[in-house]
Amino acid sequence: MMFKKAGTEQDAPKWDRVDTIIGKNTHINGTVTSTGVLRVDGKIEGQLIHRGDLIVGESGTVEATVSVRHITIAGRVRGNVEAEGKIEIVSTGQLLGDVKSSGLIIADGAVFVGKSEMNPTNASVDNGQLPVSEAAATRETKGTN
């Protein structure tokens, strides 16, 4: 590709290669720390600190506090999720918990119960300034009172 954004390839989820699979009949209780691409088809309870991309398969269940780079949920996640990148809930997925991420994708038929907090990579947000669209919305709201 001749034209692409800088860093796009590095920032995109890497689903083409799974490094670790938690099988359907596997149940892990405790703190799981890992890197790479992790696929969960079994069950994890406790805490999941993953420095990579996480796939929760249709038969997978995660009942944990989750910290990841990107996550795709086709199964069930119960607990708060913090992602550096995107959180995607596909049509068979369920997410019951609060989320923090730079992007949230919820497919038709998916279930999400919780609060979401978006953390854009926009530098003006980091230094306390609102992006132009939010500043305009704030002015409009204040003007109507």
C-alpha atoms as a PDB file:
ATOM      1  CA  MET A   1       0.000   0.000   0.000  1.00  0.00           C
ATOM      2  CA  MET A   2       1.399   3.317  -1.012  1.00  0.00           C
ATOM      3  CA  PHE A   3      -0.760   5.572   1.176  1.00  0.00           C
ATOM      4  CA  LYS A   4      -1.351   4.657   4.785  1.00  0.00           C
ATOM      5  CA  LYS A   5      -1.232   6.436   8.102  1.00  0.00           C
ATOM      6  CA  ALA A   6       1.974   6.286  10.051  1.00  0.00           C
ATOM      7  CA  GLY A   7       1.748   3.682  12.794  1.00  0.00           C
ATOM      8  CA  THR A   8      -1.439   2.099  11.428  1.00  0.00           C
ATOM      9  CA  GLU A   9       0.119  -1.327  10.923  1.00  0.00           C
ATOM     10  CA  GLN A  10       1.586  -1.385  14.420  1.00  0.00           C
ATOM     11  CA  ASP A  11      -1.628  -0.175  16.081  1.00  0.00           C
ATOM     12  CA  ALA A  12      -3.998  -2.590  14.312  1.00  0.00           C
ATOM     13  CA  PRO A  13      -5.048  -5.801  16.077  1.00  0.00           C
ATOM     14  CA  LYS A  14      -2.999  -8.792  14.985  1.00  0.00           C
ATOM     15  CA  TRP A  15      -5.629 -11.549  14.739  1.00  0.00           C
ATOM     16  CA  ASP A  16      -3.846 -13.536  12.004  1.00  0.00           C
ATOM     17  CA  ARG A  17      -1.509 -15.267  14.450  1.00  0.00           C
ATOM     18  CA  VAL A  18      -2.670 -16.627  17.824  1.00  0.00           C
ATOM     19  CA  ASP A  19       0.185 -17.234  20.261  1.00  0.00           C
ATOM     20  CA  THR A  20      -1.778 -18.812  23.138  1.00  0.00           C
ATOM     21  CA  ILE A  21      -5.135 -20.607  23.320  1.00  0.00           C
ATOM     22  CA  ILE A  22      -7.008 -21.251  26.566  1.00  0.00           C
ATOM     23  CA  GLY A  23      -8.997 -24.315  25.500  1.00  0.00           C
ATOM     24  CA  LYS A  24     -12.713 -24.974  25.970  1.00  0.00           C
ATOM     25  CA  ASN A  25     -12.160 -27.332  28.919  1.00  0.00           C
ATOM     26  CA  THR A  26      -9.621 -25.116  30.707  1.00  0.00           C
ATOM     27  CA  HIS A  27     -10.475 -23.020  33.783  1.00  0.00           C
ATOM     28  CA  ILE A  28      -7.886 -20.597  35.170  1.00  0.00           C
ATOM     29  CA  ASN A  29      -8.408 -18.834  38.498  1.00  0.00           C
ATOM     30  CA  GLY A  30      -5.984 -16.089  39.569  1.00  0.00           C
ATOM     31  CA  THR A  31      -3.832 -13.520  37.802  1.00  0.00           C
ATOM     32  CA  VAL A  32      -2.906 -14.177  34.182  1.00  0.00           C
ATOM     33  CA  THR A  33      -0.091 -12.111  32.666  1.00  0.00           C
ATOM     34  CA  SER A  34       0.769 -12.595  29.007  1.00  0.00           C
ATOM     35  CA  THR A  35       1.833 -11.024  25.713  1.00  0.00           C
ATOM     36  CA  GLY A  36       1.094 -11.632  22.041  1.00  0.00           C
ATOM     37  CA  VAL A  37      -2.311 -12.748  20.795  1.00  0.00           C
ATOM     38  CA  LEU A  38      -4.359 -14.676  23.346  1.00  0.00           C
ATOM     39  CA  ARG A  39      -7.574 -16.549  22.527  1.00  0.00           C
ATOM     40  CA  VAL A  40      -9.873 -17.655  25.354  1.00  0.00           C
ATOM     41  CA  ASP A  41     -12.300 -20.472  24.578  1.00  0.00           C
ATOM     42  CA  GLY A  42     -12.354 -21.673  28.208  1.00  0.00           C
ATOM     43  CA  LYS A  43     -12.738 -19.642  31.405  1.00  0.00           C
ATOM     44  CA  ILE A  44     -10.540 -17.125  33.218  1.00  0.00           C
ATOM     45  CA  GLU A  45     -11.454 -15.741  36.655  1.00  0.00           C
ATOM     46  CA  GLY A  46      -9.504 -13.095  38.553  1.00  0.00           C
ATOM     47  CA  GLN A  47      -7.279 -10.607  36.759  1.00  0.00           C
ATOM     48  CA  LEU A  48      -6.002 -10.587  33.176  1.00  0.00           C
ATOM     49  CA  ILE A  49      -3.060  -8.323  32.362  1.00  0.00           C
ATOM     50  CA  HIS A  50      -2.335  -8.833  28.703  1.00  0.00           C
ATOM     51  CA  ARG A  51       0.205  -6.796  26.731  1.00  0.00           C
ATOM     52  CA  GLY A  52      -1.284  -7.760  23.409  1.00  0.00           C
ATOM     53  CA  ASP A  53      -4.524  -8.558  21.625  1.00  0.00           C
ATOM     54  CA  LEU A  54      -7.237 -10.662  23.256  1.00  0.00           C
ATOM     55  CA  ILE A  55      -9.948 -12.718  21.572  1.00  0.00           C
ATOM     56  CA  VAL A  56     -12.753 -14.132  23.702  1.00  0.00           C
ATOM     57  CA  GLY A  57     -14.240 -16.906  21.569  1.00  0.00           C
ATOM     58  CA  GLU A  58     -17.949 -17.808  21.526  1.00  0.00           C
ATOM     59  CA  SER A  59     -17.429 -20.488  24.195  1.00  0.00           C
ATOM     60  CA  GLY A  60     -15.068 -18.259  26.216  1.00  0.00           C
ATOM     61  CA  THR A  61     -15.858 -16.643  29.549  1.00  0.00           C
ATOM     62  CA  VAL A  62     -13.751 -14.044  31.317  1.00  0.00           C
ATOM     63  CA  GLU A  63     -14.798 -12.990  34.818  1.00  0.00           C
ATOM     64  CA  ALA A  64     -11.964 -10.632  35.599  1.00  0.00           C
ATOM     65  CA  THR A  65     -10.523  -7.165  35.599  1.00  0.00           C
ATOM     66  CA  VAL A  66      -8.982  -6.949  32.129  1.00  0.00           C
ATOM     67  CA  SER A  67      -6.145  -4.785  30.813  1.00  0.00           C
ATOM     68  CA  VAL A  68      -5.278  -5.292  27.120  1.00  0.00           C
ATOM     69  CA  ARG A  69      -4.128  -3.622  23.924  1.00  0.00           C
ATOM     70  CA  HIS A  70      -7.178  -4.595  21.796  1.00  0.00           C
ATOM     71  CA  ILE A  71     -10.032  -6.997  22.581  1.00  0.00           C
ATOM     72  CA  THR A  72     -12.663  -8.743  20.475  1.00  0.00           C
ATOM     73  CA  ILE A  73     -15.494 -10.375  22.406  1.00  0.00           C
ATOM     74  CA  ALA A  74     -17.586 -13.156  20.874  1.00  0.00           C
ATOM     75  CA  GLY A  75     -18.242 -14.872  24.229  1.00  0.00           C
ATOM     76  CA  ARG A  76     -18.882 -13.380  27.681  1.00  0.00           C
ATOM     77  CA  VAL A  77     -16.833 -10.892  29.696  1.00  0.00           C
ATOM     78  CA  ARG A  78     -17.924  -9.888  33.195  1.00  0.00           C
ATOM     79  CA  GLY A  79     -15.676  -7.228  34.713  1.00  0.00           C
ATOM     80  CA  ASN A  80     -14.101  -3.903  33.905  1.00  0.00           C
ATOM     81  CA  VAL A  81     -12.021  -3.682  30.729  1.00  0.00           C
ATOM     82  CA  GLU A  82      -9.286  -1.171  29.963  1.00  0.00           C
ATOM     83  CA  ALA A  83      -7.854  -1.233  26.433  1.00  0.00           C
ATOM     84  CA  GLU A  84      -5.130   0.922  24.921  1.00  0.00           C
ATOM     85  CA  GLY A  85      -6.842   0.498  21.555  1.00  0.00           C
ATOM     86  CA  LYS A  86     -10.272  -0.783  20.574  1.00  0.00           C
ATOM     87  CA  ILE A  87     -12.895  -2.896  22.279  1.00  0.00           C
ATOM     88  CA  GLU A  88     -15.105  -4.800  19.840  1.00  0.00           C
ATOM     89  CA  ILE A  89     -18.182  -6.777  20.852  1.00  0.00           C
ATOM     90  CA  VAL A  90     -19.432  -8.953  17.990  1.00  0.00           C
ATOM     91  CA  SER A  91     -23.062 -10.068  17.624  1.00  0.00           C
ATOM     92  CA  THR A  92     -22.637 -13.118  19.910  1.00  0.00           C
ATOM     93  CA  GLY A  93     -20.642 -11.208  22.546  1.00  0.00           C
ATOM     94  CA  GLN A  94     -21.605  -9.930  25.984  1.00  0.00           C
ATOM     95  CA  LEU A  95     -19.716  -7.379  28.051  1.00  0.00           C
ATOM     96  CA  LEU A  96     -20.991  -6.668  31.564  1.00  0.00           C
ATOM     97  CA  GLY A  97     -18.746  -4.030  33.102  1.00  0.00           C
ATOM     98  CA  ASP A  98     -17.275  -0.587  32.659  1.00  0.00           C
ATOM     99  CA  VAL A  99     -14.807   0.109  29.844  1.00  0.00           C
ATOM    100  CA  LYS A 100     -12.027   2.571  29.065  1.00  0.00           C
ATOM    101  CA  SER A 101     -10.629   2.605  25.537  1.00  0.00           C
ATOM    102  CA  SER A 102      -9.848   4.716  22.513  1.00  0.00           C
ATOM    103  CA  GLY A 103     -12.611   3.000  20.521  1.00  0.00           C
ATOM    104  CA  LEU A 104     -15.730   0.935  21.170  1.00  0.00           C
ATOM    105  CA  ILE A 105     -17.499  -1.112  18.490  1.00  0.00           C
ATOM    106  CA  ILE A 106     -20.770  -2.838  19.382  1.00  0.00           C
ATOM    107  CA  ALA A 107     -22.324  -5.038  16.695  1.00  0.00           C
ATOM    108  CA  ASP A 108     -26.063  -5.473  16.236  1.00  0.00           C
ATOM    109  CA  GLY A 109     -27.192  -8.180  18.670  1.00  0.00           C
ATOM    110  CA  ALA A 110     -24.255  -7.735  21.043  1.00  0.00           C
ATOM    111  CA  VAL A 111     -24.846  -6.981  24.730  1.00  0.00           C
ATOM    112  CA  PHE A 112     -23.064  -4.194  26.639  1.00  0.00           C
ATOM    113  CA  VAL A 113     -24.126  -3.253  30.160  1.00  0.00           C
ATOM    114  CA  GLY A 114     -21.881  -0.702  31.805  1.00  0.00           C
ATOM    115  CA  LYS A 115     -20.314   2.713  31.419  1.00  0.00           C
ATOM    116  CA  SER A 116     -17.823   3.661  28.745  1.00  0.00           C
ATOM    117  CA  GLU A 117     -15.038   6.200  28.919  1.00  0.00           C
ATOM    118  CA  MET A 118     -13.308   7.092  25.691  1.00  0.00           C
ATOM    119  CA  ASN A 119      -9.633   8.022  25.829  1.00  0.00           C
ATOM    120  CA  PRO A 120      -8.784   9.575  22.474  1.00  0.00           C
ATOM    121  CA  THR A 121      -5.172  10.002  21.521  1.00  0.00           C
ATOM    122  CA  ASN A 122      -5.855  13.692  20.830  1.00  0.00           C
ATOM    123  CA  ALA A 123      -3.163  15.751  22.618  1.00  0.00           C
ATOM    124  CA  SER A 124      -5.556  18.658  23.279  1.00  0.00           C
ATOM    125  CA  VAL A 125      -7.649  16.379  25.501  1.00  0.00           C
ATOM    126  CA  ASP A 126      -4.571  15.337  27.476  1.00  0.00           C
ATOM    127  CA  ASN A 127      -3.662  18.932  28.332  1.00  0.00           C
ATOM    128  CA  GLY A 128      -7.163  19.772  29.564  1.00  0.00           C
ATOM    129  CA  GLN A 129      -8.487  21.480  26.427  1.00  0.00           C
ATOM    130  CA  LEU A 130     -11.640  20.233  24.749  1.00  0.00           C
ATOM    131  CA  PRO A 131     -11.528  19.332  21.057  1.00  0.00           C
ATOM    132  CA  VAL A 132     -13.264  21.907  18.836  1.00  0.00           C
ATOM    133  CA  SER A 133     -16.500  19.880  18.477  1.00  0.00           C
ATOM    134  CA  GLU A 134     -16.820  19.361  22.261  1.00  0.00           C
ATOM    135  CA  ALA A 135     -16.008  23.021  22.995  1.00  0.00           C
ATOM    136  CA  ALA A 136     -18.748  24.113  20.567  1.00  0.00           C
ATOM    137  CA  ALA A 137     -21.243  21.710  22.157  1.00  0.00           C
ATOM    138  CA  THR A 138     -20.354  23.029  25.607  1.00  0.00           C
ATOM    139  CA  ARG A 139     -20.906  26.636  24.478  1.00  0.00           C
ATOM    140  CA  GLU A 140     -24.282  25.713  22.973  1.00  0.00           C
ATOM    141  CA  THR A 141     -25.369  23.934  26.157  1.00  0.00           C
ATOM    142  CA  LYS A 142     -24.315  26.835  28.403  1.00  0.00           C
ATOM    143  CA  GLY A 143     -26.066  29.312  26.134  1.00  0.00           C
ATOM    144  CA  THR A 144     -29.456  27.620  26.551  1.00  0.00           C
ATOM    145  CA  ASN A 145     -29.549  27.848  30.357  1.00  0.00           C
END
